Amino acid sequence: MMTTPDKLRADAAKLDVFLEMFESTYFYFLDMAEGEAEKRDRGALAFYEIKDRVHALMGEMEEFAGHMEVCNAIFAVNFANCEAEKGGAV
């Protein structure tokens, strides 16, 4: 399947939903391990580090998607200009 800006945006939105679902389930289970505060805190920090990195990646993907749209537009204009110079229909 071809990667398009819309596919990147949809995949990022799905990933964000999965993170939210995982977060609520994960913290439910962390609460069950009340006596192990250090492990619970390390787990929480690790989860939020992963979440922050995923959100940063999603931002980069959004920027990349914008670049792809610009490149596609430039390519289309160049193609149309070349076809017009040849006398062909666009």
Protein backbone atom coordinates (compact mmCIF):
# COMPACT_ATOMS: atom_id res chain seq x y z
CA MET A 1 0.00 0.00 0.00
CA MET A 2 1.25 3.45 -0.87
CA THR A 3 2.00 5.78 2.02
CA THR A 4 0.02 8.98 1.71
CA PRO A 5 -0.40 11.93 4.05
CA ASP A 6 -3.93 10.76 4.85
CA LYS A 7 -2.67 7.27 5.71
CA LEU A 8 -0.02 8.76 8.00
CA ARG A 9 -2.65 10.88 9.74
CA ALA A 10 -5.03 7.93 10.14
CA ASP A 11 -2.28 5.66 11.50
CA ALA A 12 -1.22 8.35 13.97
CA ALA A 13 -4.81 8.79 15.17
CA LYS A 14 -5.20 5.02 15.64
CA LEU A 15 -1.95 4.85 17.59
CA ASP A 16 -3.09 7.67 19.84
CA VAL A 17 -6.34 5.82 20.59
CA PHE A 18 -4.40 2.65 21.43
CA LEU A 19 -2.14 4.61 23.78
CA GLU A 20 -5.15 6.03 25.59
CA MET A 21 -6.72 2.57 25.97
CA PHE A 22 -3.43 1.08 27.13
CA GLU A 23 -2.93 3.89 29.62
CA SER A 24 -6.19 3.27 31.45
CA THR A 25 -5.69 -0.50 31.51
CA TYR A 26 -2.03 -0.22 32.51
CA PHE A 27 -2.72 2.09 35.43
CA TYR A 28 -5.55 -0.10 36.61
CA PHE A 29 -3.08 -2.96 36.95
CA LEU A 30 -0.47 -0.69 38.51
CA ASP A 31 -2.94 0.22 41.22
CA MET A 32 -3.24 -3.48 42.04
CA ALA A 33 0.48 -3.55 42.91
CA GLU A 34 0.24 -0.92 45.65
CA GLY A 35 3.05 -2.38 47.73
CA GLU A 36 5.62 -2.01 44.99
CA ALA A 37 5.85 1.77 44.65
CA GLU A 38 9.28 1.81 42.99
CA LYS A 39 8.26 -0.63 40.24
CA ARG A 40 4.97 1.22 39.76
CA ASP A 41 6.75 4.58 39.46
CA ARG A 42 9.34 3.20 37.02
CA GLY A 43 6.56 1.66 34.96
CA ALA A 44 4.63 4.93 34.90
CA LEU A 45 7.73 6.89 33.87
CA ALA A 46 8.50 4.37 31.12
CA PHE A 47 4.93 4.54 29.84
CA TYR A 48 4.94 8.35 29.67
CA GLU A 49 8.35 8.36 27.97
CA ILE A 50 6.98 6.02 25.30
CA LYS A 51 3.84 8.14 24.97
CA ASP A 52 5.89 11.36 24.63
CA ARG A 53 8.12 9.80 21.98
CA VAL A 54 5.14 8.49 20.03
CA HIS A 55 3.48 11.93 20.14
CA ALA A 56 6.74 13.53 18.96
CA LEU A 57 6.89 11.02 16.11
CA MET A 58 3.28 11.78 15.24
CA GLY A 59 4.18 15.48 15.00
CA GLU A 60 7.09 14.68 12.71
CA MET A 61 4.84 12.49 10.58
CA GLU A 62 2.36 15.35 10.25
CA GLU A 63 5.16 17.67 9.12
CA PHE A 64 6.39 15.03 6.69
CA ALA A 65 2.87 14.61 5.32
CA GLY A 66 2.79 18.34 4.60
CA HIS A 67 6.10 18.08 2.76
CA MET A 68 4.73 15.17 0.72
CA GLU A 69 1.70 17.23 -0.31
CA VAL A 70 3.94 20.10 -1.45
CA CYS A 71 6.22 17.74 -3.38
CA ASN A 72 3.23 16.08 -5.06
CA ALA A 73 1.89 19.49 -6.09
CA ILE A 74 5.27 20.52 -7.54
CA PHE A 75 5.54 17.21 -9.39
CA ALA A 76 2.05 17.65 -10.84
CA VAL A 77 2.81 21.18 -12.05
CA ASN A 78 6.10 20.08 -13.60
CA PHE A 79 4.41 17.15 -15.30
CA ALA A 80 1.65 19.38 -16.65
CA ASN A 81 4.23 21.88 -17.94
CA CYS A 82 6.23 19.14 -19.69
CA GLU A 83 3.08 17.74 -21.30
CA ALA A 84 2.02 21.23 -22.40
CA GLU A 85 5.44 21.80 -24.00
CA LYS A 86 5.06 18.53 -25.92
CA GLY A 87 1.62 19.58 -27.05
CA GLY A 88 0.00 16.69 -25.24
CA ALA A 89 -3.16 16.73 -23.23
CA VAL A 90 -2.85 16.85 -19.49
